[in-house]
């Protein structure tokens, strides 16, 4: 039996362990997609207790608590921070096999030096140790990121964001890492959703463009992207419940109809989104911004809980498989126009693995390895099986050596242990192929490949300076 949280955690072969310890373990981190708040980094405020770090914004943990029958009072309700932590400690021993269990164990060890499992009998001790350490300067946001050798992060930002704190951070000379904005235009793209009209107004105010026509919108979007580029933006991001795309239709007419308060047909919605997506693709290519598409999330399913506590609170699930014809047509139109940027495709439905990994291969060329590629296992797939499947899928459909590796997609400053989680699984998967006689034991070559996947590829792919 292996030691709990031992040095070979999640690694089951000698070659994989050698690759991890010699090559992967100490690589720096470029986290090119997360939901950290720039203001919190700039102000570098500390935390009173571990609940504030772990449970204030982590919907993964909230779902496990609900699964174990914990009352919402102890999740997003008015219970004290200590009561919430103790309730979570009751839950942890019962979520065997969950990635949340793995992350809890890894974060306790890597950030706080605690190797004891969290459970009701250890909860008081762990509460005390963590809270004492959180009072130190090294356990504020900047220290937590630096501790994990983070060199750059890309946050997720609305197109009308002033980017005030990104610009303040950029002016700082002593920060050991970069904090860059990501252009996330969802609120002005999803014309059928409630925030759309308000968001168009916010975009108009932030850019100084009076938006009355579709051409006005295009001018405003270009100005918004110029603002993002000035703050160091390297990447955009888009989230879709169901990706829809059409090469026909009148997006300008649909936009005018929406501004007039009229209800759009599904065909008009698709026409508008398609025209905006084509235009954004051209702006991304022009400004050397890479594109991320997050596909297949079914959001806010529990209306009662949504009305009570809002979005991003753990009431989302896996959605439908992406239409190969529609995602393919979009990428093809951008390619035909010379406007296809480096693009990463993320799927939430595991049925999309082959759809997207094979679709990506249609647009490879000599510009850069993996110009279009399947992104890291996302959300409900961000677990041992999901990560391993994603790695194998890329191996079988293309070249894992071109992969840009892992990201956190997180709202927590202690979530960067997930890069180590990925690296362990990556090394174990590669090591198993070697030990099965499917690849020669060329440790130096494989070690270089592992380091590229862990960090170097992302730096080159996204253009981090």
Protein backbone atom coordinates (compact mmCIF):
# COMPACT_ATOMS: atom_id res chain seq x y z
CA UNK A 1 0.00 0.00 0.00
CA UNK A 2 1.33 3.43 -0.96
CA UNK A 3 1.82 6.15 1.63
CA UNK A 4 -0.98 8.71 1.88
CA UNK A 5 0.11 11.91 0.10
CA UNK A 6 3.56 10.43 -0.49
CA UNK A 7 6.11 11.73 -2.99
CA UNK A 8 4.65 9.38 -5.63
CA UNK A 9 1.07 10.61 -5.15
CA UNK A 10 -0.96 9.75 -8.28
CA UNK A 11 2.15 8.33 -10.00
CA UNK A 12 2.24 4.56 -10.40
CA UNK A 13 5.41 3.81 -12.33
CA UNK A 14 9.15 4.46 -11.98
CA UNK A 15 9.58 6.32 -15.27
CA UNK A 16 6.70 8.66 -14.51
CA UNK A 17 8.15 9.43 -11.08
CA UNK A 18 11.55 10.23 -12.60
CA UNK A 19 9.96 12.54 -15.16
CA UNK A 20 7.98 14.29 -12.46
CA UNK A 21 10.80 14.74 -9.95
CA UNK A 22 13.54 15.72 -12.41
CA UNK A 23 11.56 17.74 -14.93
CA UNK A 24 7.97 18.67 -14.03
CA UNK A 25 7.93 19.32 -10.31
CA UNK A 26 9.78 22.62 -10.18
CA UNK A 27 8.57 24.23 -13.40
CA UNK A 28 7.03 27.71 -13.06
CA UNK A 29 3.37 28.39 -13.79
CA UNK A 30 1.65 30.45 -16.47
CA UNK A 31 -2.04 30.30 -15.58
CA UNK A 32 -3.69 31.66 -18.71
CA UNK A 33 -7.31 31.33 -17.55
CA UNK A 34 -8.73 31.98 -14.10
CA UNK A 35 -11.28 34.11 -12.28
CA UNK A 36 -9.06 35.78 -9.69
CA UNK A 37 -9.90 39.39 -8.83
CA UNK A 38 -7.14 41.88 -9.76
CA UNK A 39 -8.15 44.27 -6.99
CA UNK A 40 -7.41 41.61 -4.37
CA UNK A 41 -3.94 41.10 -5.85
CA UNK A 42 -3.19 44.81 -6.01
CA UNK A 43 -4.39 45.49 -2.46
CA UNK A 44 -2.78 42.24 -1.25
CA UNK A 45 -5.17 41.98 1.66
CA UNK A 46 -4.79 39.09 4.05
CA UNK A 47 -7.27 36.53 5.26
CA UNK A 48 -8.62 36.08 8.76
CA UNK A 49 -9.14 32.34 8.37
CA UNK A 50 -9.04 29.35 6.02
CA UNK A 51 -12.77 29.59 5.26
CA UNK A 52 -12.23 32.92 3.54
CA UNK A 53 -9.58 31.31 1.31
CA UNK A 54 -11.34 28.01 0.69
CA UNK A 55 -15.10 28.36 0.99
CA UNK A 56 -16.12 31.91 0.13
CA UNK A 57 -16.15 31.38 -3.64
CA UNK A 58 -15.52 27.71 -4.39
CA UNK A 59 -18.60 26.15 -5.96
CA UNK A 60 -16.80 22.78 -6.26
CA UNK A 61 -16.71 22.54 -2.47
CA UNK A 62 -20.27 23.82 -2.18
CA UNK A 63 -21.57 21.02 -4.41
CA UNK A 64 -19.86 18.35 -2.33
CA UNK A 65 -21.38 19.82 0.82
CA UNK A 66 -24.85 19.78 -0.73
CA UNK A 67 -24.26 16.21 -1.93
CA UNK A 68 -23.64 15.20 1.68
CA UNK A 69 -26.82 16.88 2.92
CA UNK A 70 -25.33 20.02 4.48
CA UNK A 71 -27.82 22.83 5.01
CA UNK A 72 -27.26 25.89 2.79
CA UNK A 73 -26.77 27.94 5.96
CA UNK A 74 -23.30 26.36 6.25
CA UNK A 75 -22.48 26.76 2.56
CA UNK A 76 -23.52 30.21 1.30
CA UNK A 77 -25.62 31.20 4.30
CA UNK A 78 -25.06 33.16 7.52
CA UNK A 79 -23.24 30.54 9.60
CA UNK A 80 -19.91 31.68 11.04
CA UNK A 81 -16.71 31.00 9.14
CA UNK A 82 -15.64 28.41 11.69
CA UNK A 83 -19.00 26.64 11.54
CA UNK A 84 -18.70 26.44 7.75
CA UNK A 85 -15.18 25.02 7.96
CA UNK A 86 -16.17 22.39 10.52
CA UNK A 87 -19.12 21.32 8.36
CA UNK A 88 -16.81 21.02 5.37
CA UNK A 89 -14.42 18.95 7.48
CA UNK A 90 -17.29 16.55 8.19
CA UNK A 91 -17.88 16.19 4.46
CA UNK A 92 -14.30 15.61 3.27
CA UNK A 93 -13.90 11.98 4.48
CA UNK A 94 -17.06 11.07 2.54
CA UNK A 95 -15.97 12.31 -0.88
CA UNK A 96 -13.45 9.59 -1.69
CA UNK A 97 -12.38 9.70 -5.34
CA UNK A 98 -13.55 13.28 -5.81
CA UNK A 99 -11.06 15.79 -7.24
CA UNK A 100 -12.10 18.05 -4.37
CA UNK A 101 -10.64 15.49 -1.96
CA UNK A 102 -7.40 15.45 -3.94
CA UNK A 103 -7.22 19.27 -4.05
CA UNK A 104 -7.90 19.63 -0.33
CA UNK A 105 -5.08 17.20 0.48
CA UNK A 106 -2.66 18.83 -1.96
CA UNK A 107 -3.42 22.38 -0.87
CA UNK A 108 -3.03 21.52 2.81
CA UNK A 109 0.35 19.97 2.06
CA UNK A 110 1.76 22.42 -0.50
CA UNK A 111 0.58 25.66 1.09
CA UNK A 112 0.39 24.84 4.79
CA UNK A 113 2.72 21.84 5.22
CA UNK A 114 -0.09 19.70 6.62
CA UNK A 115 -0.12 16.01 5.64
CA UNK A 116 -2.88 14.88 7.98
CA UNK A 117 -6.23 14.21 6.29
CA UNK A 118 -8.95 16.74 7.04
CA UNK A 119 -11.77 15.16 9.06
CA UNK A 120 -13.78 15.99 12.19
CA UNK A 121 -10.99 14.78 14.51
CA UNK A 122 -8.30 16.93 12.87
CA UNK A 123 -10.47 19.93 11.98
CA UNK A 124 -9.75 22.05 15.07
CA UNK A 125 -6.01 21.52 14.77
CA UNK A 126 -5.97 22.28 11.03
CA UNK A 127 -8.20 25.33 11.57
CA UNK A 128 -5.69 26.71 14.09
CA UNK A 129 -2.55 25.94 12.06
CA UNK A 130 -3.94 27.40 8.84
CA UNK A 131 -5.27 30.52 10.51
CA UNK A 132 -1.95 31.20 12.24
CA UNK A 133 -0.05 30.87 8.96
CA UNK A 134 -2.56 33.06 7.13
CA UNK A 135 -1.51 35.98 9.32
CA UNK A 136 1.92 35.97 7.69
CA UNK A 137 2.88 38.17 4.75
CA UNK A 138 3.64 35.09 2.63
CA UNK A 139 -0.01 34.01 2.88
CA UNK A 140 -1.49 37.12 1.31
CA UNK A 141 -2.47 36.87 -2.40
CA UNK A 142 0.94 37.94 -3.74
CA UNK A 143 2.80 35.57 -1.45
CA UNK A 144 0.50 32.64 -2.24
CA UNK A 145 1.03 33.10 -5.98
CA UNK A 146 4.78 33.57 -5.64
CA UNK A 147 5.04 30.48 -3.45
CA UNK A 148 3.82 28.35 -6.38
CA UNK A 149 6.28 29.96 -8.84
CA UNK A 150 3.53 31.71 -10.76
CA UNK A 151 5.03 33.92 -13.48
CA UNK A 152 1.84 35.21 -15.05
CA UNK A 153 -1.92 34.89 -14.77
CA UNK A 154 -4.75 35.92 -17.11
CA UNK A 155 -7.94 36.96 -15.34
CA UNK A 156 -11.42 37.02 -16.90
CA UNK A 157 -12.82 40.47 -17.63
CA UNK A 158 -15.89 42.06 -19.22
CA UNK A 159 -15.28 44.14 -22.38
CA UNK A 160 -16.46 47.28 -20.58
CA UNK A 161 -14.13 46.78 -17.59
CA UNK A 162 -11.93 49.83 -16.93
CA UNK A 163 -9.02 47.48 -16.14
CA UNK A 164 -8.08 49.95 -13.39
CA UNK A 165 -6.34 47.39 -11.22
CA UNK A 166 -4.58 45.66 -14.11
CA UNK A 167 -3.04 49.01 -15.00
CA UNK A 168 -2.08 49.70 -11.40
CA UNK A 169 -0.49 46.26 -11.13
CA UNK A 170 1.36 46.82 -14.42
CA UNK A 171 2.86 49.98 -12.96
CA UNK A 172 4.16 48.10 -9.91
CA UNK A 173 7.86 47.30 -10.20
CA UNK A 174 8.27 44.74 -7.42
CA UNK A 175 5.64 42.12 -8.23
CA UNK A 176 7.24 38.75 -9.09
CA UNK A 177 4.56 37.94 -11.70
CA UNK A 178 2.32 39.53 -14.33
CA UNK A 179 -1.45 39.96 -14.03
CA UNK A 180 -3.01 40.29 -17.49
CA UNK A 181 -6.65 40.78 -18.51
CA UNK A 182 -8.58 38.41 -20.77
CA UNK A 183 -11.25 39.80 -23.08
CA UNK A 184 -14.56 38.03 -22.26
CA UNK A 185 -17.34 39.54 -24.42
CA UNK A 186 -20.13 37.13 -23.40
CA UNK A 187 -22.45 39.84 -22.06
CA UNK A 188 -22.50 41.69 -25.38
CA UNK A 189 -22.46 38.50 -27.47
CA UNK A 190 -25.35 36.54 -25.96
CA UNK A 191 -28.10 38.79 -27.27
CA UNK A 192 -30.86 36.53 -25.93
CA UNK A 193 -29.79 36.87 -22.29
CA UNK A 194 -31.07 39.38 -19.75
CA UNK A 195 -27.87 41.43 -19.20
CA UNK A 196 -27.51 42.24 -22.92
CA UNK A 197 -29.14 45.70 -23.18
CA UNK A 198 -27.53 46.89 -19.95
CA UNK A 199 -24.17 45.56 -21.14
CA UNK A 200 -24.41 47.44 -24.44
CA UNK A 201 -24.94 50.59 -22.40
CA UNK A 202 -21.91 49.84 -20.24
CA UNK A 203 -19.81 49.22 -23.35
CA UNK A 204 -20.97 52.54 -24.80
CA UNK A 205 -20.03 54.37 -21.61
CA UNK A 206 -16.62 52.74 -21.29
CA UNK A 207 -15.61 53.37 -24.91
CA UNK A 208 -17.28 56.73 -25.47
CA UNK A 209 -19.13 55.35 -28.50
CA UNK A 210 -22.86 55.95 -28.79
CA UNK A 211 -24.11 52.52 -29.87
CA UNK A 212 -27.21 52.84 -32.05
CA UNK A 213 -26.27 50.54 -34.94
CA UNK A 214 -24.30 47.38 -35.54
CA UNK A 215 -21.47 49.44 -37.02
CA UNK A 216 -21.37 51.47 -33.80
CA UNK A 217 -21.05 48.20 -31.87
CA UNK A 218 -18.09 47.15 -34.01
CA UNK A 219 -16.34 50.46 -33.37
CA UNK A 220 -16.95 50.10 -29.62
CA UNK A 221 -15.62 46.53 -29.58
CA UNK A 222 -12.45 47.62 -31.36
CA UNK A 223 -11.91 50.43 -28.86
CA UNK A 224 -12.50 48.00 -25.99
CA UNK A 225 -9.90 45.61 -27.35
CA UNK A 226 -7.43 48.49 -27.75
CA UNK A 227 -7.92 49.21 -24.04
CA UNK A 228 -7.27 45.56 -23.20
CA UNK A 229 -4.15 45.40 -25.37
CA UNK A 230 -2.77 48.48 -23.63
CA UNK A 231 -3.15 46.61 -20.32
CA UNK A 232 -1.23 43.58 -21.64
CA UNK A 233 -4.07 41.36 -22.89
CA UNK A 234 -2.88 38.22 -24.69
CA UNK A 235 -6.05 36.15 -24.78
CA UNK A 236 -9.82 36.29 -25.17
CA UNK A 237 -12.38 33.89 -23.77
CA UNK A 238 -15.93 32.91 -24.70
CA UNK A 239 -18.45 30.77 -22.85
CA UNK A 240 -21.32 28.98 -24.60
CA UNK A 241 -24.22 26.89 -23.36
CA UNK A 242 -24.83 25.68 -26.93
CA UNK A 243 -22.57 26.95 -29.67
CA UNK A 244 -24.66 28.06 -32.66
CA UNK A 245 -23.29 29.44 -35.90
CA UNK A 246 -24.60 30.30 -39.34
CA UNK A 247 -23.00 31.60 -42.50
CA UNK A 248 -26.24 33.37 -43.45
CA UNK A 249 -28.60 35.84 -41.78
CA UNK A 250 -28.58 39.54 -40.97
CA UNK A 251 -26.84 40.21 -37.67
CA UNK A 252 -27.26 43.98 -37.98
CA UNK A 253 -31.04 43.65 -38.33
CA UNK A 254 -31.19 41.33 -35.34
CA UNK A 255 -29.18 43.83 -33.28
CA UNK A 256 -31.51 46.68 -34.23
CA UNK A 257 -34.52 44.56 -33.31
CA UNK A 258 -33.03 43.74 -29.89
CA UNK A 259 -32.28 47.40 -29.17
CA UNK A 260 -35.92 48.16 -29.96
CA UNK A 261 -36.98 45.70 -27.27
CA UNK A 262 -38.39 43.13 -29.66
CA UNK A 263 -38.06 39.37 -29.19
CA UNK A 264 -35.69 37.62 -31.56
CA UNK A 265 -36.15 34.25 -33.23
CA UNK A 266 -33.49 31.59 -32.71
CA UNK A 267 -32.32 32.20 -36.29
CA UNK A 268 -31.88 35.91 -35.58
CA UNK A 269 -29.97 35.19 -32.38
CA UNK A 270 -27.61 32.91 -34.29
CA UNK A 271 -27.19 35.45 -37.11
CA UNK A 272 -26.16 38.15 -34.64
CA UNK A 273 -23.74 35.94 -32.71
CA UNK A 274 -22.17 34.62 -35.90
CA UNK A 275 -21.50 38.08 -37.30
CA UNK A 276 -20.05 39.30 -34.00
CA UNK A 277 -17.86 36.19 -33.69
CA UNK A 278 -16.48 36.67 -37.18
CA UNK A 279 -15.70 40.30 -36.45
CA UNK A 280 -14.09 39.49 -33.10
CA UNK A 281 -11.96 36.83 -34.77
CA UNK A 282 -10.60 39.49 -37.13
CA UNK A 283 -9.81 41.79 -34.19
CA UNK A 284 -8.07 38.99 -32.32
CA UNK A 285 -5.92 38.16 -35.32
CA UNK A 286 -5.09 41.82 -35.91
CA UNK A 287 -4.08 42.35 -32.27
CA UNK A 288 -2.34 38.99 -31.79
CA UNK A 289 -4.91 37.92 -29.19
CA UNK A 290 -5.42 34.19 -28.81
CA UNK A 291 -8.96 32.80 -28.55
CA UNK A 292 -10.48 30.39 -26.04
CA UNK A 293 -13.90 28.80 -26.52
CA UNK A 294 -15.55 27.10 -23.53
CA UNK A 295 -18.28 24.81 -24.85
CA UNK A 296 -21.10 22.79 -23.37
CA UNK A 297 -22.04 24.10 -19.91
CA UNK A 298 -25.70 23.99 -18.87
CA UNK A 299 -25.97 26.82 -16.37
CA UNK A 300 -28.23 27.87 -13.48
CA UNK A 301 -30.44 24.78 -13.50
CA UNK A 302 -31.90 25.19 -10.00
CA UNK A 303 -34.12 28.26 -10.35
CA UNK A 304 -35.02 28.42 -6.66
CA UNK A 305 -31.38 28.46 -5.58
CA UNK A 306 -30.38 30.75 -8.45
CA UNK A 307 -32.98 33.33 -7.40
CA UNK A 308 -31.66 33.14 -3.85
CA UNK A 309 -27.87 33.22 -4.33
CA UNK A 310 -27.22 33.99 -8.03
CA UNK A 311 -24.94 32.59 -10.73
CA UNK A 312 -21.72 30.57 -10.37
CA UNK A 313 -22.84 28.98 -7.14
CA UNK A 314 -22.62 25.29 -8.03
CA UNK A 315 -25.91 24.73 -9.86
CA UNK A 316 -24.47 24.16 -13.33
CA UNK A 317 -23.94 20.87 -15.15
CA UNK A 318 -22.78 19.21 -18.36
CA UNK A 319 -24.63 20.37 -21.47
CA UNK A 320 -25.13 19.12 -25.01
CA UNK A 321 -22.45 17.93 -27.40
CA UNK A 322 -21.15 20.67 -29.71
CA UNK A 323 -22.27 20.56 -33.34
CA UNK A 324 -19.18 19.65 -35.41
CA UNK A 325 -20.67 21.38 -38.45
CA UNK A 326 -21.20 24.70 -36.67
CA UNK A 327 -17.90 24.92 -34.79
CA UNK A 328 -16.14 23.75 -37.95
CA UNK A 329 -17.87 26.38 -40.09
CA UNK A 330 -16.81 29.15 -37.70
CA UNK A 331 -13.15 28.12 -37.68
CA UNK A 332 -13.27 27.62 -41.45
CA UNK A 333 -14.70 31.08 -42.09
CA UNK A 334 -11.97 32.66 -39.98
CA UNK A 335 -9.32 30.64 -41.80
CA UNK A 336 -10.71 31.56 -45.23
CA UNK A 337 -10.58 35.23 -44.30
CA UNK A 338 -7.05 34.94 -42.89
CA UNK A 339 -8.42 35.75 -39.42
CA UNK A 340 -8.00 32.51 -37.46
CA UNK A 341 -6.05 33.21 -34.25
CA UNK A 342 -4.42 30.56 -32.09
CA UNK A 343 -7.49 28.87 -30.63
CA UNK A 344 -8.04 26.58 -27.63
CA UNK A 345 -11.25 24.53 -27.49
CA UNK A 346 -12.55 23.38 -24.08
CA UNK A 347 -15.36 20.87 -23.72
CA UNK A 348 -17.52 20.09 -20.70
CA UNK A 349 -19.37 17.17 -22.29
CA UNK A 350 -16.92 14.24 -22.55
CA UNK A 351 -18.62 13.28 -25.80
CA UNK A 352 -16.91 16.34 -27.31
CA UNK A 353 -13.39 15.01 -26.75
CA UNK A 354 -13.08 13.41 -30.18
CA UNK A 355 -15.25 16.06 -31.84
CA UNK A 356 -12.95 18.88 -30.80
CA UNK A 357 -9.59 17.09 -30.83
CA UNK A 358 -10.19 15.94 -34.41
CA UNK A 359 -11.68 19.29 -35.46
CA UNK A 360 -8.59 21.09 -34.17
CA UNK A 361 -6.43 19.03 -36.51
CA UNK A 362 -8.20 20.43 -39.56
CA UNK A 363 -6.56 23.80 -38.95
CA UNK A 364 -2.98 22.89 -38.10
CA UNK A 365 -0.33 24.60 -40.19
CA UNK A 366 3.28 25.71 -40.07
CA UNK A 367 2.65 28.84 -37.97
CA UNK A 368 2.98 27.19 -34.55
CA UNK A 369 2.55 23.66 -33.16
CA UNK A 370 -1.08 23.01 -32.21
CA UNK A 371 -2.46 26.27 -33.62
CA UNK A 372 -5.96 25.02 -32.78
CA UNK A 373 -6.04 22.52 -29.95
CA UNK A 374 -8.11 20.73 -27.34
CA UNK A 375 -7.73 22.55 -24.03
CA UNK A 376 -7.18 21.07 -20.60
CA UNK A 377 -9.91 19.00 -18.98
CA UNK A 378 -12.44 21.53 -17.76
CA UNK A 379 -14.72 21.75 -14.71
CA UNK A 380 -16.53 18.41 -14.31
CA UNK A 381 -13.73 16.76 -16.30
CA UNK A 382 -10.97 18.26 -14.14
CA UNK A 383 -10.24 15.00 -12.32
CA UNK A 384 -7.84 12.07 -12.65
CA UNK A 385 -9.92 10.27 -15.28
CA UNK A 386 -10.85 13.43 -17.19
CA UNK A 387 -7.28 14.73 -17.31
CA UNK A 388 -5.90 11.35 -18.35
CA UNK A 389 -8.57 11.02 -21.07
CA UNK A 390 -7.76 14.49 -22.38
CA UNK A 391 -4.04 13.70 -22.54
CA UNK A 392 -4.68 10.41 -24.33
CA UNK A 393 -7.13 12.07 -26.72
CA UNK A 394 -4.50 14.59 -27.76
CA UNK A 395 -1.92 11.82 -28.12
CA UNK A 396 -4.21 9.83 -30.38
CA UNK A 397 -5.51 12.74 -32.46
CA UNK A 398 -2.40 14.90 -32.71
CA UNK A 399 0.71 15.55 -30.65
CA UNK A 400 0.74 15.95 -26.88
CA UNK A 401 4.12 17.69 -27.27
CA UNK A 402 2.24 20.75 -28.60
CA UNK A 403 -0.23 20.99 -25.71
CA UNK A 404 -0.35 24.20 -23.67
CA UNK A 405 -1.01 22.16 -20.53
CA UNK A 406 -2.98 23.14 -17.47
CA UNK A 407 -4.86 26.12 -16.04
CA UNK A 408 -6.83 26.56 -12.82
CA UNK A 409 -10.10 28.19 -14.01
CA UNK A 410 -10.43 29.07 -10.34
CA UNK A 411 -11.43 31.86 -7.98
CA UNK A 412 -9.07 30.73 -5.21
CA UNK A 413 -5.49 31.81 -4.55
CA UNK A 414 -4.69 28.32 -3.23
CA UNK A 415 -5.89 26.51 -6.35
CA UNK A 416 -2.50 26.48 -8.07
CA UNK A 417 -1.78 23.03 -6.68
CA UNK A 418 -3.93 21.91 -9.62
CA UNK A 419 -0.93 22.44 -11.90
CA UNK A 420 0.95 19.86 -9.83
CA UNK A 421 -2.11 17.61 -9.99
CA UNK A 422 -2.00 17.77 -13.81
CA UNK A 423 1.76 17.30 -14.02
CA UNK A 424 1.65 14.17 -11.89
CA UNK A 425 -1.04 12.63 -14.09
CA UNK A 426 0.83 13.68 -17.26
CA UNK A 427 4.08 12.06 -16.09
CA UNK A 428 2.27 8.92 -14.94
CA UNK A 429 0.52 8.58 -18.32
CA UNK A 430 3.72 9.04 -20.31
CA UNK A 431 5.69 6.80 -17.97
CA UNK A 432 3.15 3.99 -18.37
CA UNK A 433 3.65 4.04 -22.16
CA UNK A 434 7.41 3.72 -21.69
CA UNK A 435 7.14 0.89 -19.21
CA UNK A 436 4.67 -0.90 -21.44
CA UNK A 437 7.24 -0.90 -24.22
CA UNK A 438 5.28 1.55 -26.39
CA UNK A 439 7.98 4.24 -26.36
CA UNK A 440 11.76 4.11 -25.75
CA UNK A 441 13.08 5.18 -22.37
CA UNK A 442 14.55 8.45 -23.63
CA UNK A 443 14.27 10.37 -20.37
CA UNK A 444 16.00 13.51 -21.61
CA UNK A 445 13.67 13.91 -24.61
CA UNK A 446 10.57 13.08 -22.59
CA UNK A 447 11.70 15.37 -19.79
CA UNK A 448 12.04 18.25 -22.23
CA UNK A 449 8.56 17.45 -23.57
CA UNK A 450 7.08 17.43 -20.06
CA UNK A 451 8.66 20.81 -19.28
CA UNK A 452 7.26 22.25 -22.49
CA UNK A 453 3.75 21.01 -21.73
CA UNK A 454 4.01 22.23 -18.12
CA UNK A 455 5.04 25.78 -18.98
CA UNK A 456 7.14 26.56 -22.08
CA UNK A 457 4.50 25.79 -24.70
CA UNK A 458 1.97 28.17 -23.15
CA UNK A 459 4.56 30.96 -22.98
CA UNK A 460 5.26 30.58 -26.72
CA UNK A 461 1.66 29.94 -27.77
CA UNK A 462 0.12 32.92 -25.99
CA UNK A 463 3.09 35.21 -26.58
CA UNK A 464 4.03 35.90 -22.97
CA UNK A 465 7.01 38.24 -22.80
